[in-house]
Protein backbone atom coordinates (compact mmCIF):
# COMPACT_ATOMS: atom_id res chain seq x y z
CA MET A 1 -38.23 -30.32 186.06
CA ALA A 2 -38.67 -31.48 189.62
CA ILE A 3 -38.67 -35.14 190.59
CA ILE A 4 -41.42 -36.16 193.00
CA GLU A 5 -40.69 -39.25 195.07
CA HIS A 6 -43.55 -41.18 196.62
CA PRO A 7 -42.22 -42.98 199.73
CA ALA A 8 -43.33 -46.43 200.71
CA PRO A 9 -46.18 -46.59 203.23
CA LYS A 10 -43.97 -48.01 205.98
CA ALA A 11 -40.28 -47.17 206.07
CA ASN A 12 -37.62 -48.60 208.36
CA GLU A 13 -33.84 -48.70 208.67
CA VAL A 14 -33.47 -51.26 205.86
CA THR A 15 -35.77 -49.50 203.43
CA PRO A 16 -33.78 -48.26 200.36
CA LEU A 17 -33.59 -44.49 199.95
CA LEU A 18 -34.72 -44.78 196.32
CA SER A 19 -36.79 -47.88 195.67
CA ARG A 20 -37.01 -49.56 192.30
CA GLY A 21 -40.71 -48.83 192.23
CA ALA A 22 -40.39 -45.11 192.90
CA ILE A 23 -42.67 -43.08 190.69
CA ILE A 24 -41.00 -40.26 188.80
CA GLU A 25 -43.41 -37.79 187.34
CA ALA A 26 -43.82 -34.19 186.30
CA PRO A 27 -45.09 -31.59 188.78
CA LYS A 28 -48.87 -31.48 189.05
CA TYR A 29 -50.22 -28.10 188.00
CA GLY A 30 -53.91 -28.98 188.14
CA LYS A 31 -56.75 -28.35 185.75
CA SER A 32 -57.06 -24.72 186.81
CA VAL A 33 -53.66 -23.89 185.31
CA LEU A 34 -54.64 -25.66 182.08
CA TYR A 35 -57.83 -23.63 181.77
CA ARG A 36 -55.97 -20.41 182.61
CA ALA A 37 -53.57 -21.19 179.78
CA LEU A 38 -56.48 -21.95 177.43
CA LEU A 39 -58.12 -18.66 178.40
CA CYS A 40 -54.81 -16.95 177.64
CA GLY A 41 -54.93 -18.48 174.16
CA PHE A 42 -58.44 -17.10 173.72
CA LEU A 43 -57.48 -13.58 174.85
CA VAL A 44 -54.30 -13.30 172.79
CA SER A 45 -55.98 -14.72 169.68
CA LEU A 46 -58.79 -12.23 170.20
CA SER A 47 -56.17 -9.48 170.28
CA PHE A 48 -54.47 -10.67 167.10
CA GLY A 49 -57.73 -11.20 165.22
CA VAL A 50 -59.68 -7.97 165.67
CA THR A 51 -57.77 -6.18 162.89
CA GLN A 52 -57.70 -9.08 160.40
CA VAL A 53 -60.95 -8.35 158.55
CA PRO A 54 -60.58 -4.52 158.73
CA LEU A 55 -56.95 -4.79 157.57
CA LEU A 56 -57.94 -6.48 154.32
CA TYR A 57 -60.65 -3.85 153.79
CA VAL A 58 -58.19 -1.05 154.61
CA PHE A 59 -55.81 -2.36 151.95
CA ARG A 60 -58.65 -2.40 149.44
CA LEU A 61 -59.54 1.22 150.23
CA MET A 62 -55.89 2.32 150.08
CA THR A 63 -55.33 0.47 146.79
CA CYS A 64 -58.49 2.05 145.43
CA GLU A 65 -57.25 5.50 146.50
CA VAL A 66 -53.92 4.95 144.77
CA TYR A 67 -55.64 3.63 141.62
CA TYR A 68 -57.76 6.75 141.12
CA GLN A 69 -54.76 9.00 141.45
CA THR A 70 -53.86 7.96 137.88
CA HIS A 71 -57.27 6.86 136.52
CA PRO A 72 -60.56 8.72 135.90
CA GLU A 73 -63.36 8.38 138.43
CA PRO A 74 -66.14 5.87 137.54
CA GLU A 75 -69.71 6.76 136.66
CA PRO A 76 -71.88 7.95 139.58
CA GLY A 77 -73.75 5.15 141.33
CA SER A 78 -71.22 2.43 140.50
CA ASN A 79 -69.09 0.56 143.05
CA ARG A 80 -66.00 2.75 143.02
CA CYS A 81 -63.52 0.10 144.16
CA SER A 82 -64.97 -2.86 142.29
CA ASN A 83 -62.78 -3.64 139.31
CA ARG A 84 -60.25 -6.32 138.50
CA GLU A 85 -57.17 -4.13 138.68
CA ILE A 86 -57.99 -2.95 142.20
CA GLU A 87 -58.83 -6.53 143.27
CA ALA A 88 -55.53 -7.83 141.90
CA GLY A 89 -53.60 -4.92 143.45
CA THR A 90 -55.21 -5.54 146.83
CA SER A 91 -54.29 -9.21 146.62
CA ARG A 92 -50.66 -8.43 145.79
CA ALA A 93 -50.33 -5.81 148.55
CA TYR A 94 -51.90 -8.12 151.14
CA ALA A 95 -49.78 -11.05 149.97
CA LEU A 96 -46.65 -8.91 150.43
CA LEU A 97 -47.82 -7.95 153.92
CA SER A 98 -48.40 -11.59 154.82
CA ALA A 99 -45.06 -12.65 153.34
CA VAL A 100 -43.15 -9.97 155.26
CA THR A 101 -45.01 -10.89 158.45
CA THR A 102 -44.12 -14.55 157.99
CA ILE A 103 -40.43 -13.87 157.27
CA PHE A 104 -40.07 -11.80 160.42
CA GLY A 105 -42.22 -14.34 162.24
CA VAL A 106 -39.64 -17.04 161.50
CA LEU A 107 -36.99 -14.91 163.20
CA ASN A 108 -39.38 -14.29 166.09
CA LEU A 109 -39.87 -18.04 166.38
CA LEU A 110 -36.14 -18.61 166.78
CA ILE A 111 -35.81 -15.76 169.27
CA THR A 112 -38.77 -17.01 171.31
CA GLY A 113 -37.37 -20.55 171.33
CA TRP A 114 -34.07 -19.25 172.68
CA THR A 115 -35.88 -17.09 175.26
CA ILE A 116 -37.90 -20.08 176.47
CA LYS A 117 -34.73 -22.13 176.98
CA LYS A 118 -32.87 -19.32 178.70
CA PHE A 119 -35.51 -17.57 180.81
CA GLY A 120 -38.54 -19.86 180.82
CA ILE A 121 -41.80 -20.18 178.95
CA LYS A 122 -43.63 -17.36 180.74
CA ILE A 123 -41.05 -14.71 179.78
CA GLY A 124 -41.15 -15.88 176.16
CA LEU A 125 -44.94 -15.66 176.16
CA LEU A 126 -44.97 -12.23 177.78
CA LEU A 127 -42.58 -10.75 175.22
CA SER A 128 -44.57 -12.31 172.36
CA VAL A 129 -47.68 -10.47 173.58
CA PHE A 130 -46.08 -7.12 174.46
CA TRP A 131 -44.32 -6.28 171.19
CA PRO A 132 -47.44 -6.62 168.99
CA ALA A 133 -48.88 -3.75 171.04
CA ALA A 134 -45.97 -1.60 169.86
CA ARG A 135 -46.67 -2.73 166.29
CA LEU A 136 -50.29 -1.62 166.63
CA VAL A 137 -49.14 1.91 167.46
CA VAL A 138 -47.36 2.11 164.09
CA GLN A 139 -50.30 0.54 162.24
CA ASN A 140 -52.66 3.14 163.70
CA ILE A 141 -50.46 5.82 162.17
CA GLY A 142 -50.50 4.03 158.78
CA VAL A 143 -54.30 3.78 158.73
CA MET A 144 -54.66 7.49 159.53
CA ILE A 145 -52.25 8.49 156.72
CA GLY A 146 -53.85 6.18 154.13
CA GLY A 147 -53.01 5.79 150.44
CA GLY A 148 -49.77 4.32 149.21
CA ASN A 149 -47.80 5.67 152.16
CA GLY A 150 -50.24 4.04 154.55
CA ILE A 151 -49.75 0.66 152.88
CA VAL A 152 -45.96 1.01 153.14
CA ILE A 153 -46.12 2.02 156.81
CA ILE A 154 -48.31 -0.96 157.71
CA GLN A 155 -46.06 -3.34 155.77
CA ALA A 156 -42.93 -1.85 157.37
CA SER A 157 -44.43 -2.15 160.88
CA GLN A 158 -44.13 -5.91 160.59
CA ILE A 159 -40.41 -5.67 161.39
CA ILE A 160 -41.46 -5.43 165.05
CA THR A 161 -42.72 -9.01 164.64
CA ILE A 162 -39.09 -10.12 165.03
CA LEU A 163 -39.34 -9.29 168.74
CA GLY A 164 -42.87 -10.57 169.31
CA GLY A 165 -45.69 -11.92 167.22
CA PRO A 166 -48.19 -14.73 166.59
CA SER A 167 -45.57 -17.38 165.87
CA GLY A 168 -43.74 -16.74 169.13
CA TYR A 169 -46.88 -16.74 171.25
CA GLN A 170 -48.10 -19.97 169.61
CA LEU A 171 -44.77 -21.65 170.36
CA ALA A 172 -44.78 -20.39 173.94
CA LEU A 173 -48.38 -21.45 174.61
CA ASN A 174 -47.87 -24.86 172.98
CA SER A 175 -44.76 -25.35 175.12
CA TYR A 176 -46.66 -24.26 178.22
CA ILE A 177 -49.53 -26.67 177.54
CA THR A 178 -47.03 -29.47 176.86
CA GLU A 179 -45.30 -28.97 180.20
CA ILE A 180 -48.43 -28.82 182.35
CA SER A 181 -50.21 -31.77 180.69
CA GLU A 182 -49.81 -35.49 181.24
CA PRO A 183 -48.18 -37.30 178.29
CA SER A 184 -51.40 -39.13 177.40
CA GLU A 185 -53.34 -35.84 177.40
CA ARG A 186 -50.96 -33.65 175.39
CA THR A 187 -52.44 -34.14 171.93
CA GLY A 188 -55.96 -33.45 173.20
CA ALA A 189 -54.74 -30.45 175.21
CA LEU A 190 -52.93 -29.03 172.17
CA GLY A 191 -56.16 -29.45 170.20
CA LYS A 192 -58.10 -27.66 172.94
CA LEU A 193 -55.58 -24.82 172.82
CA GLN A 194 -56.07 -24.48 169.08
CA GLY A 195 -59.81 -24.58 169.64
CA TYR A 196 -59.74 -21.77 172.20
CA CYS A 197 -57.51 -19.76 169.87
CA PHE A 198 -59.99 -20.19 167.02
CA LEU A 199 -62.85 -19.20 169.31
CA GLY A 200 -60.89 -16.06 170.11
CA MET A 201 -60.32 -15.43 166.42
CA SER A 202 -64.02 -16.03 165.72
CA SER A 203 -65.01 -13.41 168.27
CA ALA A 204 -62.33 -11.08 166.92
CA TYR A 205 -63.53 -11.29 163.31
CA LEU A 206 -67.05 -10.46 164.39
CA ILE A 207 -65.94 -7.61 166.66
CA GLY A 208 -63.56 -6.20 164.03
CA GLY A 209 -66.20 -6.00 161.31
CA THR A 210 -68.79 -4.55 163.67
CA LEU A 211 -66.43 -1.90 165.03
CA SER A 212 -65.48 -0.85 161.49
CA ASP A 213 -69.09 -0.31 160.47
CA ALA A 214 -70.11 1.41 163.70
CA PHE A 215 -67.13 3.63 164.55
CA GLY A 216 -65.00 3.81 161.42
CA ILE A 217 -62.10 1.80 160.04
CA ILE A 218 -59.62 3.13 162.64
CA ALA A 219 -61.62 1.84 165.65
CA PRO A 220 -60.51 -1.85 165.49
CA PHE A 221 -56.85 -0.83 165.51
CA ARG A 222 -57.30 1.28 168.65
CA VAL A 223 -59.29 -1.44 170.44
CA THR A 224 -56.65 -4.03 169.56
CA LEU A 225 -53.94 -1.94 171.22
CA VAL A 226 -55.93 -2.01 174.48
CA LEU A 227 -56.51 -5.76 174.16
CA PHE A 228 -52.80 -6.52 173.78
CA LEU A 229 -51.90 -4.48 176.84
CA SER A 230 -54.64 -6.25 178.83
CA SER A 231 -53.31 -9.64 177.66
CA CYS A 232 -49.85 -8.71 178.95
CA VAL A 233 -51.31 -8.06 182.40
CA TYR A 234 -53.17 -11.39 182.30
CA VAL A 235 -50.05 -13.38 181.41
CA LEU A 236 -48.10 -11.62 184.14
CA LEU A 237 -50.66 -12.28 186.88
CA ALA A 238 -52.58 -15.44 185.95
CA LEU A 239 -49.99 -17.95 184.72
CA PRO A 240 -47.48 -19.57 187.09
CA ARG A 241 -43.85 -19.58 186.06
CA ILE A 242 -42.34 -22.84 184.80
CA PRO A 243 -38.57 -22.56 185.29
CA PRO A 244 -36.43 -24.15 182.57
CA SER A 245 -34.50 -27.25 183.56
CA LYS A 246 -30.74 -26.93 183.81
CA ALA A 247 -30.22 -29.28 180.87
CA ILE A 248 -32.49 -27.21 178.62
CA ALA A 249 -31.20 -23.84 179.85
CA SER A 250 -27.62 -24.89 179.13
CA GLN A 251 -28.57 -25.48 175.50
CA ALA A 252 -29.41 -21.78 175.16
CA SER A 253 -26.00 -20.62 176.35
CA THR A 254 -23.59 -22.78 174.35
CA GLY A 255 -23.13 -20.63 171.30
CA PHE A 256 -24.84 -19.04 168.34
CA ALA A 257 -25.27 -22.38 166.56
CA LYS A 258 -27.70 -23.53 169.26
CA PHE A 259 -29.92 -20.62 168.28
CA PHE A 260 -30.80 -22.57 165.14
CA SER A 261 -30.87 -25.99 166.83
CA PRO A 262 -34.58 -26.61 166.03
CA LEU A 263 -33.61 -26.98 162.38
CA LYS A 264 -31.69 -30.15 163.25
CA MET A 265 -34.82 -31.98 164.42
CA PHE A 266 -35.72 -33.18 160.93
CA ILE A 267 -32.34 -34.63 160.01
CA PRO A 268 -32.90 -38.41 159.50
CA GLN A 269 -31.34 -40.22 162.46
CA ARG A 270 -29.86 -43.68 162.82
CA TRP A 271 -31.76 -46.13 164.99
CA VAL A 272 -30.71 -49.54 166.26
CA LEU A 273 -33.46 -52.05 165.57
CA SER A 274 -34.35 -54.87 167.95
CA GLY A 275 -32.26 -57.31 165.91
CA GLY A 276 -29.18 -55.08 166.04
CA ARG A 277 -29.42 -53.73 162.50
CA ILE A 278 -28.99 -49.97 162.07
CA GLU A 279 -31.35 -48.00 159.86
CA ARG A 280 -32.04 -44.37 159.16
CA GLN A 281 -35.56 -43.31 160.09
CA TYR A 282 -37.35 -40.73 157.94
CA GLY A 283 -40.64 -40.54 159.83
CA MET A 284 -39.98 -37.09 161.28
CA ILE A 285 -38.86 -35.45 158.04
CA LEU A 286 -41.81 -36.96 156.16
CA LEU A 287 -44.14 -35.72 158.88
CA ALA A 288 -42.64 -32.25 158.46
CA ILE A 289 -43.15 -32.37 154.69
CA GLY A 290 -46.75 -33.48 155.17
CA VAL A 291 -47.42 -30.68 157.64
CA PHE A 292 -45.83 -28.21 155.22
CA MET A 293 -48.12 -29.37 152.41
CA GLY A 294 -51.12 -29.22 154.73
CA VAL A 295 -50.50 -25.62 155.78
CA LEU A 296 -49.65 -24.73 152.18
CA ALA A 297 -53.07 -26.04 151.16
CA THR A 298 -55.18 -24.63 153.99
CA GLY A 299 -53.26 -21.60 155.28
CA TYR A 300 -54.68 -19.28 152.64
CA ILE A 301 -58.30 -20.43 153.13
CA PRO A 302 -59.40 -17.68 155.59
CA THR A 303 -58.06 -14.95 153.31
CA LEU A 304 -59.35 -16.76 150.22
CA LEU A 305 -62.88 -16.99 151.61
CA GLN A 306 -62.93 -13.26 152.33
CA MET A 307 -61.44 -12.17 149.02
CA TYR A 308 -63.58 -14.57 146.97
CA ALA A 309 -66.74 -13.46 148.77
CA THR A 310 -65.79 -9.80 148.35
CA ASP A 311 -64.92 -10.02 144.67
CA ILE A 312 -67.67 -12.41 143.48
CA TYR A 313 -70.56 -11.71 145.85
CA ASN A 314 -69.70 -8.13 146.97
CA PHE A 315 -69.39 -8.97 150.66
CA GLY A 316 -68.51 -6.01 152.89
CA THR A 317 -66.71 -5.94 156.23
CA SER A 318 -69.78 -7.07 158.16
CA GLU A 319 -70.53 -9.99 155.84
CA ASN A 320 -66.89 -11.03 155.80
CA GLY A 321 -66.81 -10.69 159.57
CA TYR A 322 -69.76 -13.07 159.90
CA LEU A 323 -68.27 -15.44 157.32
CA ILE A 324 -64.83 -15.83 158.85
CA SER A 325 -66.27 -15.70 162.37
CA LEU A 326 -68.52 -18.66 161.56
CA ASN A 327 -65.57 -20.59 160.15
CA SER A 328 -63.37 -19.94 163.18
CA PHE A 329 -66.21 -20.54 165.67
CA ILE A 330 -67.04 -23.99 164.31
CA ARG A 331 -63.34 -24.85 164.02
CA GLY A 332 -62.83 -23.75 167.62
CA LEU A 333 -65.76 -25.80 168.92
CA PHE A 334 -64.59 -28.84 166.96
CA LEU A 335 -61.05 -28.63 168.30
CA ALA A 336 -62.01 -27.79 171.89
CA ILE A 337 -64.78 -30.39 172.26
CA ALA A 338 -64.82 -33.01 169.50
CA PHE A 339 -61.11 -33.35 168.70
CA PRO A 340 -59.93 -34.60 172.16
CA LYS A 341 -62.79 -37.14 172.19
CA ILE A 342 -61.95 -38.35 168.70
CA ILE A 343 -58.30 -38.76 169.66
CA GLY A 344 -59.22 -40.65 172.85
CA ALA A 345 -61.72 -42.92 171.10
CA GLY A 346 -59.37 -43.50 168.17
CA ARG A 347 -56.51 -44.50 170.45
CA LYS A 348 -58.71 -47.04 172.25
CA TRP A 349 -59.98 -48.42 168.96
CA PHE A 350 -56.51 -48.62 167.44
CA ALA A 351 -55.04 -50.25 170.55
CA GLY A 352 -57.86 -52.80 170.56
CA SER A 353 -57.38 -53.60 166.88
CA THR A 354 -53.63 -54.31 167.38
CA PRO A 355 -53.45 -56.18 170.72
CA SER A 356 -50.26 -57.98 169.86
CA GLU A 357 -48.25 -54.77 169.57
CA PRO A 358 -46.95 -53.14 172.74
CA THR A 359 -47.78 -49.48 173.14
CA ASP A 360 -44.55 -48.28 174.69
CA THR A 361 -41.75 -49.46 172.49
CA ALA A 362 -41.83 -47.17 169.48
CA THR A 363 -40.90 -43.96 171.25
CA PRO A 364 -37.28 -42.96 171.82
CA GLN A 365 -35.67 -45.29 174.34
CA ASP A 366 -32.51 -43.34 174.86
CA SER A 367 -33.90 -41.80 178.04
CA ALA A 368 -34.98 -44.92 179.87
CA ILE A 369 -35.14 -44.84 183.69
CA PRO A 370 -31.97 -46.34 185.11
CA ASP A 371 -32.26 -49.03 187.74
CA MET A 372 -32.22 -47.40 191.15
CA PRO A 373 -29.75 -48.87 193.65
CA ASN A 374 -31.24 -50.53 196.70
CA GLN A 375 -28.01 -51.47 198.45
CA GLN A 376 -25.82 -49.12 200.45
CA ASN A 377 -22.69 -49.92 198.47
CA ASP A 378 -24.47 -48.90 195.25
CA LEU A 379 -24.94 -45.31 196.39
CA ALA A 380 -21.45 -44.34 195.32
CA ALA A 381 -22.24 -45.38 191.79
CA LEU A 382 -25.44 -43.33 191.87
CA GLU A 383 -23.53 -40.28 193.15
CA ALA A 384 -20.97 -40.67 190.39
CA MET A 385 -23.74 -40.91 187.84
CA ASN A 386 -25.35 -37.72 189.15
CA ASP A 387 -22.01 -35.86 189.12
CA GLU A 388 -21.47 -36.25 185.39
CA GLU A 389 -20.68 -32.92 183.76
CA GLU A 390 -22.92 -33.37 180.73
CA PRO A 391 -26.07 -35.30 181.52
CA VAL A 392 -27.73 -36.04 178.23
CA GLU A 393 -31.32 -36.15 179.45
CA PRO A 394 -33.25 -36.08 182.71
CA PRO A 395 -34.83 -39.30 183.99
CA GLU A 396 -37.78 -40.35 181.91
CA LEU A 397 -41.15 -39.45 183.33
CA VAL A 398 -43.99 -41.85 183.94
CA GLY A 399 -45.95 -42.39 180.74
CA GLU A 400 -43.32 -40.78 178.50
CA ARG A 401 -42.61 -44.02 176.63
CA GLU A 402 -46.21 -44.57 175.59
CA THR A 403 -46.85 -44.24 171.87
CA PHE A 404 -50.19 -43.35 170.32
CA ALA A 405 -50.05 -44.27 166.63
CA PHE A 406 -53.59 -43.01 166.05
CA ASP A 407 -52.32 -39.42 166.26
CA LEU A 408 -50.37 -39.96 163.05
CA ILE A 409 -53.35 -41.64 161.39
CA TYR A 410 -55.55 -38.68 162.26
CA THR A 411 -52.96 -36.30 160.81
CA ARG A 412 -53.10 -38.15 157.49
CA TYR A 413 -56.83 -38.42 157.03
CA SER A 414 -57.72 -34.97 158.31
CA LEU A 415 -55.54 -33.65 155.51
CA LEU A 416 -57.38 -35.88 153.02
CA ALA A 417 -60.70 -34.51 154.27
CA ASP A 418 -59.33 -30.98 153.92
CA GLY A 419 -58.56 -31.62 150.28
CA ILE A 420 -62.02 -33.00 149.53
CA LEU A 421 -63.90 -30.19 151.27
CA THR A 422 -61.71 -27.46 149.81
CA GLY A 423 -62.13 -28.82 146.30
CA ALA A 424 -65.91 -28.87 146.75
CA ALA A 425 -65.84 -25.12 147.48
CA ALA A 426 -65.08 -24.48 143.81
CA PHE A 427 -68.69 -25.38 142.94
CA VAL A 428 -70.23 -22.54 145.00
CA SER A 429 -72.66 -20.57 142.85
CA GLN A 430 -74.54 -18.33 145.32
CA GLY A 431 -73.49 -16.02 148.13
CA TRP A 432 -75.26 -17.92 150.93
CA GLN A 433 -73.29 -21.04 149.99
CA MET A 434 -70.11 -19.30 151.17
CA TYR A 435 -71.44 -19.62 154.72
CA LEU A 436 -72.03 -23.34 154.11
CA VAL A 437 -68.42 -23.73 152.95
CA ALA A 438 -67.19 -21.81 156.00
CA ALA A 439 -69.18 -24.16 158.25
CA LEU A 440 -68.03 -27.43 156.61
CA LEU A 441 -64.29 -26.77 156.22
CA PRO A 442 -63.60 -26.85 160.02
CA LEU A 443 -64.84 -30.46 160.22
CA ALA A 444 -61.44 -31.55 158.89
CA ALA A 445 -59.51 -29.53 161.50
CA GLY A 446 -56.88 -30.89 163.87
CA THR A 447 -54.02 -31.66 161.47
CA GLY A 448 -51.64 -29.28 163.25
CA ALA A 449 -52.52 -30.43 166.78
CA SER A 450 -52.23 -34.12 165.94
CA ALA A 451 -48.94 -33.47 164.13
CA LYS A 452 -47.54 -31.73 167.21
CA GLY A 453 -48.70 -34.61 169.39
CA THR A 454 -47.02 -37.04 167.00
CA ILE A 455 -43.68 -35.26 166.86
CA LEU A 456 -43.60 -34.99 170.67
CA GLN A 457 -43.78 -38.78 170.76
CA MET A 458 -40.93 -39.06 168.27
CA CYS A 459 -38.51 -37.04 170.41
CA SER A 460 -37.08 -37.17 173.92
CA ALA A 461 -38.01 -34.96 176.88
CA THR A 462 -35.21 -32.39 176.44
CA GLU A 463 -36.06 -32.04 172.74
CA ARG A 464 -39.67 -30.89 173.26
CA ALA A 465 -38.96 -27.18 172.94
CA ASP A 466 -36.90 -27.76 169.79
CA ALA A 467 -39.54 -30.14 168.40
CA LEU A 468 -42.32 -27.59 168.84
CA SER A 469 -40.06 -24.85 167.47
CA ALA A 470 -39.24 -27.02 164.47
CA ILE A 471 -42.83 -27.94 163.60
CA THR A 472 -43.94 -24.33 164.14
CA LEU A 473 -41.09 -23.18 161.92
CA ILE A 474 -42.30 -25.54 159.20
CA GLU A 475 -45.80 -24.08 159.55
CA MET A 476 -44.41 -20.55 159.32
CA ILE A 477 -42.45 -21.32 156.18
CA ALA A 478 -45.56 -22.94 154.71
CA ARG A 479 -47.62 -19.83 155.52
CA LEU A 480 -44.99 -17.67 153.88
CA THR A 481 -45.17 -19.88 150.82
CA THR A 482 -48.96 -20.10 150.68
CA THR A 483 -49.56 -16.38 151.10
CA SER A 484 -46.94 -15.60 148.47
CA ILE A 485 -47.92 -18.27 145.95
CA PHE A 486 -51.67 -18.36 146.35
CA GLY A 487 -51.84 -14.58 146.68
CA LEU A 488 -50.32 -14.33 143.22
CA VAL A 489 -52.42 -17.27 141.97
CA PHE A 490 -55.57 -15.52 143.17
CA ALA A 491 -54.51 -12.32 141.42
CA ALA A 492 -53.84 -14.22 138.20
CA PHE A 493 -57.20 -16.02 138.25
CA ALA A 494 -58.99 -12.79 139.26
CA GLU A 495 -57.67 -11.06 136.17
CA ILE A 496 -59.18 -13.74 133.90
CA GLY A 497 -62.39 -14.02 135.95
CA LYS A 498 -61.89 -17.62 137.17
CA THR A 499 -61.03 -17.23 140.85
CA TYR A 500 -62.86 -20.46 141.76
CA LEU A 501 -59.89 -22.40 140.38
CA VAL A 502 -57.86 -21.35 143.46
CA PHE A 503 -59.93 -23.83 145.52
CA ILE A 504 -58.96 -26.61 143.12
CA CYS A 505 -55.28 -25.75 143.48
CA ASN A 506 -55.56 -25.81 147.29
CA ALA A 507 -57.30 -29.20 147.20
CA ALA A 508 -54.58 -30.69 144.97
CA VAL A 509 -51.84 -29.60 147.38
CA ALA A 510 -53.75 -31.11 150.34
CA LEU A 511 -54.08 -34.45 148.57
CA LEU A 512 -50.37 -34.40 147.77
CA GLY A 513 -49.64 -33.83 151.48
CA PHE A 514 -51.83 -36.82 152.36
CA LEU A 515 -49.81 -39.03 150.00
CA VAL A 516 -46.56 -37.91 151.66
CA LEU A 517 -47.91 -38.66 155.15
CA LEU A 518 -48.75 -42.21 154.11
CA PHE A 519 -44.99 -42.92 154.20
CA SER A 520 -44.36 -41.36 157.64
CA ARG A 521 -43.83 -43.97 160.36
CA PHE A 522 -42.83 -44.22 164.00
CA PRO A 523 -39.50 -46.01 164.66
CA PRO A 524 -40.01 -49.81 164.72
CA ASP A 525 -40.96 -51.50 167.98
CA GLY A 526 -38.02 -52.25 170.25
CA SER A 527 -35.66 -49.82 168.52
CA ARG A 528 -33.53 -47.08 170.08
CA ARG A 529 -31.40 -44.22 168.86
CA PHE A 530 -27.89 -44.97 167.64
CA GLU A 531 -25.32 -43.63 170.09
CA GLU A 532 -21.79 -42.77 168.99
CA GLY A 533 -19.24 -44.66 171.05
CA LYS A 534 -21.77 -47.15 172.34
CA ASP A 535 -22.95 -48.75 169.11
CA VAL A 536 -20.59 -49.87 166.37
CA GLU A 537 -21.88 -49.90 162.82
CA ASP A 538 -20.60 -52.69 160.62
CA ASP A 539 -22.28 -53.27 157.27
CA GLY A 540 -25.68 -52.31 158.61
CA THR A 541 -25.44 -54.22 161.90
CA ALA A 542 -24.35 -53.35 165.40
């Protein structure tokens, strides 16, 4: 990352080359780059989402086709594919698809993280958009074959996700937004990115259902292939390249172990408190557990809404398209417009309610700006410092040490609101009320964006890529778990005719995540990371 030096207004022969007041800041990319990145999120999410509603319907048709290969046809005039065995089989097949996608997505996440370090964010993003186009080619073949073989082909196509998929593009876009945004604007910008992605998904759900009804079930898969290729062109032409810093790039070339370095982010670390005592801090690992529980509770909701509406109220592709489109549209508007304002207002309120606490002491202090020499005989020391073979971190940027505790508070209580609203969905008794549920659930959105903003404050500048990889990895594992567990839970409750109980289970998990987040904390004010060789631990003191 480049260092921009702002010279004094009037320089002369005695003016120091690097003054103590020099401002060190990140390159300015401008608002246009931010909005181009947000538009990229919209386009790629649109590409990923067009087949989501049709894919669930395709699995239902294929499962129905397989079922009647060994069972007699129903009476004329009845809904051919409406029985509990087909519903349960569809749920299991779709859960397996989601689980396989998530497993390969975890590998894609690690590969994308390594690519970002080695070649830059733009290359990682481009690859994460190109390979899903290749996956769509295989899925088109599976849809045309149909039946049990079609299900297997679509499930097997997910192996291409290792090279590029939704997890990789989310990591790359989050990293891109983080790099082009000011520190104080990152949480809001990450929320806006999520909002634009949900707006893209909302449009995709609507388009996917409409295309299926108008042109047949194969049409969304063909349109999606064109969308992915168009997104590749957009990324290539519209987004400027952000070269990786030497310190970060070197991390990608020091061995196979570094490939899994994001997993180390959540290991509790020792911190030296202001009084000299050394303690282990568990804020980051507790935040990760809370995020895991949050995704576990809410990650299955879009699929649950569709399957519940289909099984109980006989929604078709169009109705499901409108339902999930409404949910994503409101979530997108909330995150893009309301969420940044809530974060900004909450930070001001929280700072005003705790005036005695400084706002810049709880973030990692192991990357503080060194005092710049202003005498000629100090330049040798500066040169020696710059010639070190293994610089730990680049100079800290302006605003990097500022901590916004409200981000963590929002993460907690948005998860609590998720639990309350999800639990209330169990009392739906009419089909139109499903649209009400879809409209209310997004009002608790923002847990993921605020959690990313929080973890970025808990780590140093060179750890950002690993921090985002780590939190995204936690979300991927949670999605794997939720699609596997709640897919089977839905099938079990569907067989006994009590599918509404799935909402209660989701709400309970969300409330448990809220309780875990109550114990997550930033490092105490005035503390810094424990450094081997510099600090000596002796019975809990240094």
